[in-house]
Amino acid sequence: MTILKHEIRQGRNSLIIWTSVIAFMLGVCILIYPEMSKQMDGISEAFANMGGFSAAFGMDKINFGEFIGFFGIECGNVLGLGGAFFAALTGISALSKEEREHTAEFLLTHPVSRQSVVAQKFISVITQIVILNAAAVVITVLSTIIIGESPDIRPLALTFAAHFIMQVEIAAICFGISAFIGRGSLGLGLGLAAAFYFLNIIANLTENAEFLKYITPFGYTDSADIIANERLEIKYLAVGIVMTVIGIGAAFWEYRRKDIS
């Protein structure tokens, strides 16, 4: 487990920064809710009747004036975008950085198989995602207690579960891509995460584009759908699980046979 420990130690600064920023923003969003709720009488209805804008962010399905609706829209976007970017950056650099930073020669001369290298690196990626989400849950619980809210646990738990699975899927896809590339990986990872996010917005705007939800992992993390239905969309989730497996499999297959430059 030497590589696993090294990867976590090497990525701890990035993990601390991303976790601190996301947790801070979640905490701030929740703590300002009591003040916001005093001004929500007409705002919630106005948001729900803004046509395409309301549909894009799910404001036509939930009450933005209630805490759970406010959390789904505001905090869901913070955790969704922030978590997706972190997962993409962590996954896309896991294998490609060895060539980019010219450390592959040192790593692969050690008595450890390439399969073990890939496995330990992927476990380190998942471990960092778990830590980030654990911090987000803790901050959410503490902030909710501070403002005196008692939301329904089920939609909250489903929201966090969906975002965690989404982050793992994005990380796995980027991890698979990282086995094929050596340079220019960070921009590719961020671009892929952003593309997934905007594909979901397009899918929300019109029924003709609803098929895009099968492509983007944000399809099953839509907080408005989760809160309104109190369940995850299994048909989108199943595709996400398949993509996760493909990403991991591609990483093992390519890195085992790859000529390291």
C-alpha atoms as a PDB file:
ATOM      1  CA  MET A   1       0.000   0.000   0.000  1.00  0.00           C
ATOM      2  CA  THR A   2       3.007   2.288  -0.372  1.00  0.00           C
ATOM      3  CA  ILE A   3       1.687   3.846  -3.567  1.00  0.00           C
ATOM      4  CA  LEU A   4      -1.745   4.404  -1.999  1.00  0.00           C
ATOM      5  CA  LYS A   5      -0.249   6.254   0.969  1.00  0.00           C
ATOM      6  CA  HIS A   6       2.026   8.274  -1.309  1.00  0.00           C
ATOM      7  CA  GLU A   7      -0.874   9.297  -3.568  1.00  0.00           C
ATOM      8  CA  ILE A   8      -3.012  10.452  -0.652  1.00  0.00           C
ATOM      9  CA  ARG A   9      -0.082  12.332   0.868  1.00  0.00           C
ATOM     10  CA  GLN A  10       0.753  13.924  -2.476  1.00  0.00           C
ATOM     11  CA  GLY A  11      -2.829  15.041  -3.051  1.00  0.00           C
ATOM     12  CA  ARG A  12      -3.581  16.228   0.478  1.00  0.00           C
ATOM     13  CA  ASN A  13      -3.094  19.948  -0.266  1.00  0.00           C
ATOM     14  CA  SER A  14      -5.542  19.832  -3.158  1.00  0.00           C
ATOM     15  CA  LEU A  15      -7.946  17.761  -1.047  1.00  0.00           C
ATOM     16  CA  ILE A  16      -7.776  20.211   1.867  1.00  0.00           C
ATOM     17  CA  ILE A  17      -8.370  23.214  -0.397  1.00  0.00           C
ATOM     18  CA  TRP A  18     -11.287  21.720  -2.333  1.00  0.00           C
ATOM     19  CA  THR A  19     -12.876  20.240   0.796  1.00  0.00           C
ATOM     20  CA  SER A  20     -12.529  23.505   2.726  1.00  0.00           C
ATOM     21  CA  VAL A  21     -13.996  25.596  -0.089  1.00  0.00           C
ATOM     22  CA  ILE A  22     -16.956  23.282  -0.755  1.00  0.00           C
ATOM     23  CA  ALA A  23     -17.684  22.787   2.957  1.00  0.00           C
ATOM     24  CA  PHE A  24     -17.443  26.543   3.579  1.00  0.00           C
ATOM     25  CA  MET A  25     -19.816  27.365   0.736  1.00  0.00           C
ATOM     26  CA  LEU A  26     -22.290  24.709   1.895  1.00  0.00           C
ATOM     27  CA  GLY A  27     -22.164  26.094   5.419  1.00  0.00           C
ATOM     28  CA  VAL A  28     -22.675  29.677   4.258  1.00  0.00           C
ATOM     29  CA  CYS A  29     -25.622  28.698   2.029  1.00  0.00           C
ATOM     30  CA  ILE A  30     -27.344  26.955   4.928  1.00  0.00           C
ATOM     31  CA  LEU A  31     -26.581  29.652   7.504  1.00  0.00           C
ATOM     32  CA  ILE A  32     -28.056  32.422   5.354  1.00  0.00           C
ATOM     33  CA  TYR A  33     -31.302  30.489   4.810  1.00  0.00           C
ATOM     34  CA  PRO A  34     -33.137  31.960   7.865  1.00  0.00           C
ATOM     35  CA  GLU A  35     -32.549  35.478   6.570  1.00  0.00           C
ATOM     36  CA  MET A  36     -33.439  34.481   3.027  1.00  0.00           C
ATOM     37  CA  SER A  37     -36.632  32.717   4.141  1.00  0.00           C
ATOM     38  CA  LYS A  38     -38.020  36.007   5.472  1.00  0.00           C
ATOM     39  CA  GLN A  39     -38.017  37.369   1.938  1.00  0.00           C
ATOM     40  CA  MET A  40     -39.233  34.244   0.164  1.00  0.00           C
ATOM     41  CA  ASP A  41     -42.988  34.846   0.096  1.00  0.00           C
ATOM     42  CA  GLY A  42     -43.101  36.086  -3.481  1.00  0.00           C
ATOM     43  CA  ILE A  43     -39.666  35.026  -4.668  1.00  0.00           C
ATOM     44  CA  SER A  44     -40.396  31.294  -4.701  1.00  0.00           C
ATOM     45  CA  GLU A  45     -43.457  31.702  -6.937  1.00  0.00           C
ATOM     46  CA  ALA A  46     -41.558  34.084  -9.201  1.00  0.00           C
ATOM     47  CA  PHE A  47     -38.693  31.605  -9.620  1.00  0.00           C
ATOM     48  CA  ALA A  48     -41.155  28.805 -10.387  1.00  0.00           C
ATOM     49  CA  ASN A  49     -42.694  30.819 -13.240  1.00  0.00           C
ATOM     50  CA  MET A  50     -39.567  31.860 -15.099  1.00  0.00           C
ATOM     51  CA  GLY A  51     -40.069  29.384 -17.921  1.00  0.00           C
ATOM     52  CA  GLY A  52     -36.900  27.800 -19.255  1.00  0.00           C
ATOM     53  CA  PHE A  53     -34.762  29.151 -16.424  1.00  0.00           C
ATOM     54  CA  SER A  54     -37.003  27.473 -13.837  1.00  0.00           C
ATOM     55  CA  ALA A  55     -36.967  24.177 -15.746  1.00  0.00           C
ATOM     56  CA  ALA A  56     -33.194  24.238 -16.210  1.00  0.00           C
ATOM     57  CA  PHE A  57     -32.566  24.316 -12.460  1.00  0.00           C
ATOM     58  CA  GLY A  58     -35.637  22.410 -11.296  1.00  0.00           C
ATOM     59  CA  MET A  59     -37.296  25.392  -9.630  1.00  0.00           C
ATOM     60  CA  ASP A  60     -40.634  24.441 -11.185  1.00  0.00           C
ATOM     61  CA  LYS A  61     -40.713  21.162  -9.248  1.00  0.00           C
ATOM     62  CA  ILE A  62     -39.904  22.185  -5.666  1.00  0.00           C
ATOM     63  CA  ASN A  63     -40.638  25.055  -3.321  1.00  0.00           C
ATOM     64  CA  PHE A  64     -37.552  27.264  -3.199  1.00  0.00           C
ATOM     65  CA  GLY A  65     -38.956  28.945  -0.084  1.00  0.00           C
ATOM     66  CA  GLU A  66     -38.755  25.753   2.011  1.00  0.00           C
ATOM     67  CA  PHE A  67     -35.425  24.661   3.467  1.00  0.00           C
ATOM     68  CA  ILE A  68     -35.270  21.371   1.564  1.00  0.00           C
ATOM     69  CA  GLY A  69     -36.007  23.150  -1.726  1.00  0.00           C
ATOM     70  CA  PHE A  70     -33.468  25.870  -0.973  1.00  0.00           C
ATOM     71  CA  PHE A  71     -30.891  23.223  -0.068  1.00  0.00           C
ATOM     72  CA  GLY A  72     -31.565  21.232  -3.236  1.00  0.00           C
ATOM     73  CA  ILE A  73     -31.085  24.214  -5.550  1.00  0.00           C
ATOM     74  CA  GLU A  74     -28.328  26.201  -3.835  1.00  0.00           C
ATOM     75  CA  CYS A  75     -26.330  23.560  -1.969  1.00  0.00           C
ATOM     76  CA  GLY A  76     -26.977  20.934  -4.647  1.00  0.00           C
ATOM     77  CA  ASN A  77     -25.224  23.094  -7.227  1.00  0.00           C
ATOM     78  CA  VAL A  78     -22.298  23.781  -4.875  1.00  0.00           C
ATOM     79  CA  LEU A  79     -21.764  20.098  -4.124  1.00  0.00           C
ATOM     80  CA  GLY A  80     -22.559  19.049  -7.685  1.00  0.00           C
ATOM     81  CA  LEU A  81     -20.212  21.364  -9.544  1.00  0.00           C
ATOM     82  CA  GLY A  82     -17.505  21.505  -6.879  1.00  0.00           C
ATOM     83  CA  GLY A  83     -17.517  17.758  -6.337  1.00  0.00           C
ATOM     84  CA  ALA A  84     -17.552  17.032 -10.072  1.00  0.00           C
ATOM     85  CA  PHE A  85     -14.570  19.305 -10.734  1.00  0.00           C
ATOM     86  CA  PHE A  86     -12.599  17.787  -7.859  1.00  0.00           C
ATOM     87  CA  ALA A  87     -13.395  14.227  -8.966  1.00  0.00           C
ATOM     88  CA  ALA A  88     -12.445  15.044 -12.570  1.00  0.00           C
ATOM     89  CA  LEU A  89      -9.131  16.656 -11.619  1.00  0.00           C
ATOM     90  CA  THR A  90      -8.213  13.857  -9.232  1.00  0.00           C
ATOM     91  CA  GLY A  91      -9.148  11.100 -11.668  1.00  0.00           C
ATOM     92  CA  ILE A  92      -7.631  12.610 -14.817  1.00  0.00           C
ATOM     93  CA  SER A  93      -4.242  13.220 -13.211  1.00  0.00           C
ATOM     94  CA  ALA A  94      -3.902   9.918 -11.345  1.00  0.00           C
ATOM     95  CA  LEU A  95      -2.084   8.014 -14.095  1.00  0.00           C
ATOM     96  CA  SER A  96      -1.198  10.709 -16.629  1.00  0.00           C
ATOM     97  CA  LYS A  97       0.891  12.717 -14.155  1.00  0.00           C
ATOM     98  CA  GLU A  98       3.555   9.985 -14.082  1.00  0.00           C
ATOM     99  CA  GLU A  99       4.429  10.826 -17.689  1.00  0.00           C
ATOM    100  CA  ARG A 100       3.778  14.537 -17.373  1.00  0.00           C
ATOM    101  CA  GLU A 101       6.074  14.861 -14.363  1.00  0.00           C
ATOM    102  CA  HIS A 102       8.597  12.274 -15.663  1.00  0.00           C
ATOM    103  CA  THR A 103       8.241  10.027 -12.618  1.00  0.00           C
ATOM    104  CA  ALA A 104       7.053   6.918 -14.480  1.00  0.00           C
ATOM    105  CA  GLU A 105      10.592   5.541 -14.823  1.00  0.00           C
ATOM    106  CA  PHE A 106      11.086   5.699 -11.058  1.00  0.00           C
ATOM    107  CA  LEU A 107       7.668   4.227 -10.238  1.00  0.00           C
ATOM    108  CA  LEU A 108       7.701   1.328 -12.696  1.00  0.00           C
ATOM    109  CA  THR A 109      11.180   0.115 -11.784  1.00  0.00           C
ATOM    110  CA  HIS A 110       9.892  -0.907  -8.352  1.00  0.00           C
ATOM    111  CA  PRO A 111       8.856  -4.538  -7.734  1.00  0.00           C
ATOM    112  CA  VAL A 112       5.149  -3.848  -8.117  1.00  0.00           C
ATOM    113  CA  SER A 113       2.878  -4.848 -10.996  1.00  0.00           C
ATOM    114  CA  ARG A 114       1.144  -2.294 -13.166  1.00  0.00           C
ATOM    115  CA  GLN A 115      -2.210  -3.720 -12.067  1.00  0.00           C
ATOM    116  CA  SER A 116      -1.282  -2.944  -8.473  1.00  0.00           C
ATOM    117  CA  VAL A 117      -0.241   0.588  -9.450  1.00  0.00           C
ATOM    118  CA  VAL A 118      -3.601   1.212 -11.126  1.00  0.00           C
ATOM    119  CA  ALA A 119      -5.559  -0.339  -8.259  1.00  0.00           C
ATOM    120  CA  GLN A 120      -3.800   1.662  -5.553  1.00  0.00           C
ATOM    121  CA  LYS A 121      -4.103   4.901  -7.488  1.00  0.00           C
ATOM    122  CA  PHE A 122      -7.829   4.399  -8.032  1.00  0.00           C
ATOM    123  CA  ILE A 123      -8.366   3.555  -4.368  1.00  0.00           C
ATOM    124  CA  SER A 124      -6.591   6.798  -3.474  1.00  0.00           C
ATOM    125  CA  VAL A 125      -8.970   8.718  -5.764  1.00  0.00           C
ATOM    126  CA  ILE A 126     -12.024   7.130  -4.113  1.00  0.00           C
ATOM    127  CA  THR A 127     -10.593   7.731  -0.656  1.00  0.00           C
ATOM    128  CA  GLN A 128     -10.233  11.451  -1.364  1.00  0.00           C
ATOM    129  CA  ILE A 129     -13.791  11.636  -2.696  1.00  0.00           C
ATOM    130  CA  VAL A 130     -15.060   9.896   0.447  1.00  0.00           C
ATOM    131  CA  ILE A 131     -13.228  12.410   2.660  1.00  0.00           C
ATOM    132  CA  LEU A 132     -14.648  15.373   0.724  1.00  0.00           C
ATOM    133  CA  ASN A 133     -18.219  14.061   0.969  1.00  0.00           C
ATOM    134  CA  ALA A 134     -17.863  13.146   4.636  1.00  0.00           C
ATOM    135  CA  ALA A 135     -16.800  16.726   5.384  1.00  0.00           C
ATOM    136  CA  ALA A 136     -19.751  18.049   3.349  1.00  0.00           C
ATOM    137  CA  VAL A 137     -22.199  15.891   5.321  1.00  0.00           C
ATOM    138  CA  VAL A 138     -20.733  16.947   8.675  1.00  0.00           C
ATOM    139  CA  ILE A 139     -20.874  20.661   7.799  1.00  0.00           C
ATOM    140  CA  THR A 140     -24.434  20.296   6.504  1.00  0.00           C
ATOM    141  CA  VAL A 141     -25.591  18.576   9.694  1.00  0.00           C
ATOM    142  CA  LEU A 142     -23.888  21.103  11.979  1.00  0.00           C
ATOM    143  CA  SER A 143     -25.145  24.109   9.985  1.00  0.00           C
ATOM    144  CA  THR A 144     -28.681  22.712   9.923  1.00  0.00           C
ATOM    145  CA  ILE A 145     -28.617  22.252  13.705  1.00  0.00           C
ATOM    146  CA  ILE A 146     -27.325  25.801  14.194  1.00  0.00           C
ATOM    147  CA  ILE A 147     -30.231  27.357  12.257  1.00  0.00           C
ATOM    148  CA  GLY A 148     -32.747  25.091  13.987  1.00  0.00           C
ATOM    149  CA  GLU A 149     -34.085  23.277  10.907  1.00  0.00           C
ATOM    150  CA  SER A 150     -35.258  19.649  10.965  1.00  0.00           C
ATOM    151  CA  PRO A 151     -35.523  18.585   7.303  1.00  0.00           C
ATOM    152  CA  ASP A 152     -36.669  15.165   6.137  1.00  0.00           C
ATOM    153  CA  ILE A 153     -33.634  12.891   6.267  1.00  0.00           C
ATOM    154  CA  ARG A 154     -34.533  10.728   3.266  1.00  0.00           C
ATOM    155  CA  PRO A 155     -34.254  13.325   0.455  1.00  0.00           C
ATOM    156  CA  LEU A 156     -31.107  14.757   2.059  1.00  0.00           C
ATOM    157  CA  ALA A 157     -29.486  11.322   2.270  1.00  0.00           C
ATOM    158  CA  LEU A 158     -30.483  10.510  -1.315  1.00  0.00           C
ATOM    159  CA  THR A 159     -29.070  13.828  -2.508  1.00  0.00           C
ATOM    160  CA  PHE A 160     -25.688  13.176  -0.894  1.00  0.00           C
ATOM    161  CA  ALA A 161     -25.669   9.548  -2.097  1.00  0.00           C
ATOM    162  CA  ALA A 162     -26.424  10.607  -5.674  1.00  0.00           C
ATOM    163  CA  HIS A 163     -23.659  13.218  -5.681  1.00  0.00           C
ATOM    164  CA  PHE A 164     -21.159  10.745  -4.259  1.00  0.00           C
ATOM    165  CA  ILE A 165     -22.000   8.179  -6.951  1.00  0.00           C
ATOM    166  CA  MET A 166     -21.791  10.916  -9.599  1.00  0.00           C
ATOM    167  CA  GLN A 167     -18.333  11.938  -8.401  1.00  0.00           C
ATOM    168  CA  VAL A 168     -17.158   8.324  -8.471  1.00  0.00           C
ATOM    169  CA  GLU A 169     -18.477   7.948 -12.033  1.00  0.00           C
ATOM    170  CA  ILE A 170     -16.758  11.107 -13.267  1.00  0.00           C
ATOM    171  CA  ALA A 171     -13.551  10.102 -11.481  1.00  0.00           C
ATOM    172  CA  ALA A 172     -13.695   6.626 -13.050  1.00  0.00           C
ATOM    173  CA  ILE A 173     -14.272   7.992 -16.560  1.00  0.00           C
ATOM    174  CA  CYS A 174     -11.417  10.482 -16.171  1.00  0.00           C
ATOM    175  CA  PHE A 175      -9.248   7.776 -14.589  1.00  0.00           C
ATOM    176  CA  GLY A 176      -9.767   5.610 -17.656  1.00  0.00           C
ATOM    177  CA  ILE A 177      -8.893   8.519 -19.947  1.00  0.00           C
ATOM    178  CA  SER A 178      -5.768   9.267 -17.906  1.00  0.00           C
ATOM    179  CA  ALA A 179      -4.328   5.876 -18.856  1.00  0.00           C
ATOM    180  CA  PHE A 180      -4.354   6.922 -22.536  1.00  0.00           C
ATOM    181  CA  ILE A 181      -2.863  10.410 -22.242  1.00  0.00           C
ATOM    182  CA  GLY A 182       0.242  11.988 -20.794  1.00  0.00           C
ATOM    183  CA  ARG A 183      -0.186  15.734 -21.120  1.00  0.00           C
ATOM    184  CA  GLY A 184      -2.952  18.326 -21.234  1.00  0.00           C
ATOM    185  CA  SER A 185      -5.050  16.243 -18.890  1.00  0.00           C
ATOM    186  CA  LEU A 186      -6.264  18.838 -16.353  1.00  0.00           C
ATOM    187  CA  GLY A 187      -8.104  20.969 -18.891  1.00  0.00           C
ATOM    188  CA  LEU A 188      -9.684  17.866 -20.388  1.00  0.00           C
ATOM    189  CA  GLY A 189     -10.947  16.748 -16.994  1.00  0.00           C
ATOM    190  CA  LEU A 190     -12.480  20.114 -16.123  1.00  0.00           C
ATOM    191  CA  GLY A 191     -13.985  20.436 -19.588  1.00  0.00           C
ATOM    192  CA  LEU A 192     -15.587  16.997 -19.356  1.00  0.00           C
ATOM    193  CA  ALA A 193     -17.137  17.759 -15.947  1.00  0.00           C
ATOM    194  CA  ALA A 194     -18.475  21.106 -17.209  1.00  0.00           C
ATOM    195  CA  ALA A 195     -19.875  19.457 -20.352  1.00  0.00           C
ATOM    196  CA  PHE A 196     -21.741  16.894 -18.241  1.00  0.00           C
ATOM    197  CA  TYR A 197     -23.260  19.701 -16.154  1.00  0.00           C
ATOM    198  CA  PHE A 198     -24.491  21.701 -19.147  1.00  0.00           C
ATOM    199  CA  LEU A 199     -25.846  18.595 -20.870  1.00  0.00           C
ATOM    200  CA  ASN A 200     -28.144  18.106 -17.892  1.00  0.00           C
ATOM    201  CA  ILE A 201     -29.332  21.736 -18.110  1.00  0.00           C
ATOM    202  CA  ILE A 202     -30.127  21.230 -21.805  1.00  0.00           C
ATOM    203  CA  ALA A 203     -31.989  18.004 -20.978  1.00  0.00           C
ATOM    204  CA  ASN A 204     -34.097  19.899 -18.424  1.00  0.00           C
ATOM    205  CA  LEU A 205     -35.049  22.588 -20.933  1.00  0.00           C
ATOM    206  CA  THR A 206     -36.863  20.375 -23.429  1.00  0.00           C
ATOM    207  CA  GLU A 207     -38.286  16.860 -23.567  1.00  0.00           C
ATOM    208  CA  ASN A 208     -36.649  16.395 -26.970  1.00  0.00           C
ATOM    209  CA  ALA A 209     -33.240  16.459 -25.256  1.00  0.00           C
ATOM    210  CA  GLU A 210     -34.196  14.284 -22.298  1.00  0.00           C
ATOM    211  CA  PHE A 211     -32.118  11.418 -23.717  1.00  0.00           C
ATOM    212  CA  LEU A 212     -29.024  13.412 -22.683  1.00  0.00           C
ATOM    213  CA  LYS A 213     -29.721  12.389 -19.090  1.00  0.00           C
ATOM    214  CA  TYR A 214     -28.510   8.915 -20.050  1.00  0.00           C
ATOM    215  CA  ILE A 215     -25.169  10.446 -21.024  1.00  0.00           C
ATOM    216  CA  THR A 216     -24.527  12.816 -18.130  1.00  0.00           C
ATOM    217  CA  PRO A 217     -24.098  11.639 -14.517  1.00  0.00           C
ATOM    218  CA  PHE A 218     -25.885  14.822 -13.471  1.00  0.00           C
ATOM    219  CA  GLY A 219     -29.038  13.145 -14.792  1.00  0.00           C
ATOM    220  CA  TYR A 220     -29.513  11.202 -11.556  1.00  0.00           C
ATOM    221  CA  THR A 221     -28.227  13.952  -9.234  1.00  0.00           C
ATOM    222  CA  ASP A 222     -30.939  16.472 -10.138  1.00  0.00           C
ATOM    223  CA  SER A 223     -31.896  17.635  -6.639  1.00  0.00           C
ATOM    224  CA  ALA A 224     -35.331  18.809  -7.761  1.00  0.00           C
ATOM    225  CA  ASP A 225     -36.238  15.320  -9.003  1.00  0.00           C
ATOM    226  CA  ILE A 226     -34.765  13.622  -5.940  1.00  0.00           C
ATOM    227  CA  ILE A 227     -36.607  15.876  -3.485  1.00  0.00           C
ATOM    228  CA  ALA A 228     -39.894  15.783  -5.394  1.00  0.00           C
ATOM    229  CA  ASN A 229     -39.907  11.986  -5.910  1.00  0.00           C
ATOM    230  CA  GLU A 230     -37.748  10.907  -2.932  1.00  0.00           C
ATOM    231  CA  ARG A 231     -35.915   8.392  -5.087  1.00  0.00           C
ATOM    232  CA  LEU A 232     -33.091   8.161  -7.606  1.00  0.00           C
ATOM    233  CA  GLU A 233     -33.766   7.571 -11.293  1.00  0.00           C
ATOM    234  CA  ILE A 234     -32.594   3.974 -11.599  1.00  0.00           C
ATOM    235  CA  LYS A 235     -32.505   4.031 -15.414  1.00  0.00           C
ATOM    236  CA  TYR A 236     -29.953   6.870 -15.397  1.00  0.00           C
ATOM    237  CA  LEU A 237     -28.094   5.438 -12.411  1.00  0.00           C
ATOM    238  CA  ALA A 238     -27.694   2.063 -14.133  1.00  0.00           C
ATOM    239  CA  VAL A 239     -26.010   3.717 -17.125  1.00  0.00           C
ATOM    240  CA  GLY A 240     -23.736   5.569 -14.721  1.00  0.00           C
ATOM    241  CA  ILE A 241     -22.670   2.334 -13.038  1.00  0.00           C
ATOM    242  CA  VAL A 242     -21.876   0.796 -16.432  1.00  0.00           C
ATOM    243  CA  MET A 243     -19.781   3.845 -17.383  1.00  0.00           C
ATOM    244  CA  THR A 244     -17.929   3.602 -14.066  1.00  0.00           C
ATOM    245  CA  VAL A 245     -17.035  -0.031 -14.711  1.00  0.00           C
ATOM    246  CA  ILE A 246     -15.949   0.775 -18.285  1.00  0.00           C
ATOM    247  CA  GLY A 247     -13.721   3.615 -17.070  1.00  0.00           C
ATOM    248  CA  ILE A 248     -12.002   1.442 -14.480  1.00  0.00           C
ATOM    249  CA  GLY A 249     -11.660  -1.457 -16.916  1.00  0.00           C
ATOM    250  CA  ALA A 250     -10.168   0.800 -19.589  1.00  0.00           C
ATOM    251  CA  ALA A 251      -7.556   2.074 -17.136  1.00  0.00           C
ATOM    252  CA  PHE A 252      -6.431  -1.454 -16.205  1.00  0.00           C
ATOM    253  CA  TRP A 253      -6.439  -2.639 -19.822  1.00  0.00           C
ATOM    254  CA  GLU A 254      -4.517   0.282 -21.312  1.00  0.00           C
ATOM    255  CA  TYR A 255      -1.982   0.885 -18.525  1.00  0.00           C
ATOM    256  CA  ARG A 256      -1.014  -2.804 -18.456  1.00  0.00           C
ATOM    257  CA  ARG A 257       0.031  -2.728 -22.127  1.00  0.00           C
ATOM    258  CA  LYS A 258       1.031   0.922 -22.506  1.00  0.00           C
ATOM    259  CA  ASP A 259       4.498   2.003 -23.582  1.00  0.00           C
ATOM    260  CA  ILE A 260       5.426   4.708 -21.104  1.00  0.00           C
ATOM    261  CA  SER A 261       7.165   7.627 -22.837  1.00  0.00           C
END
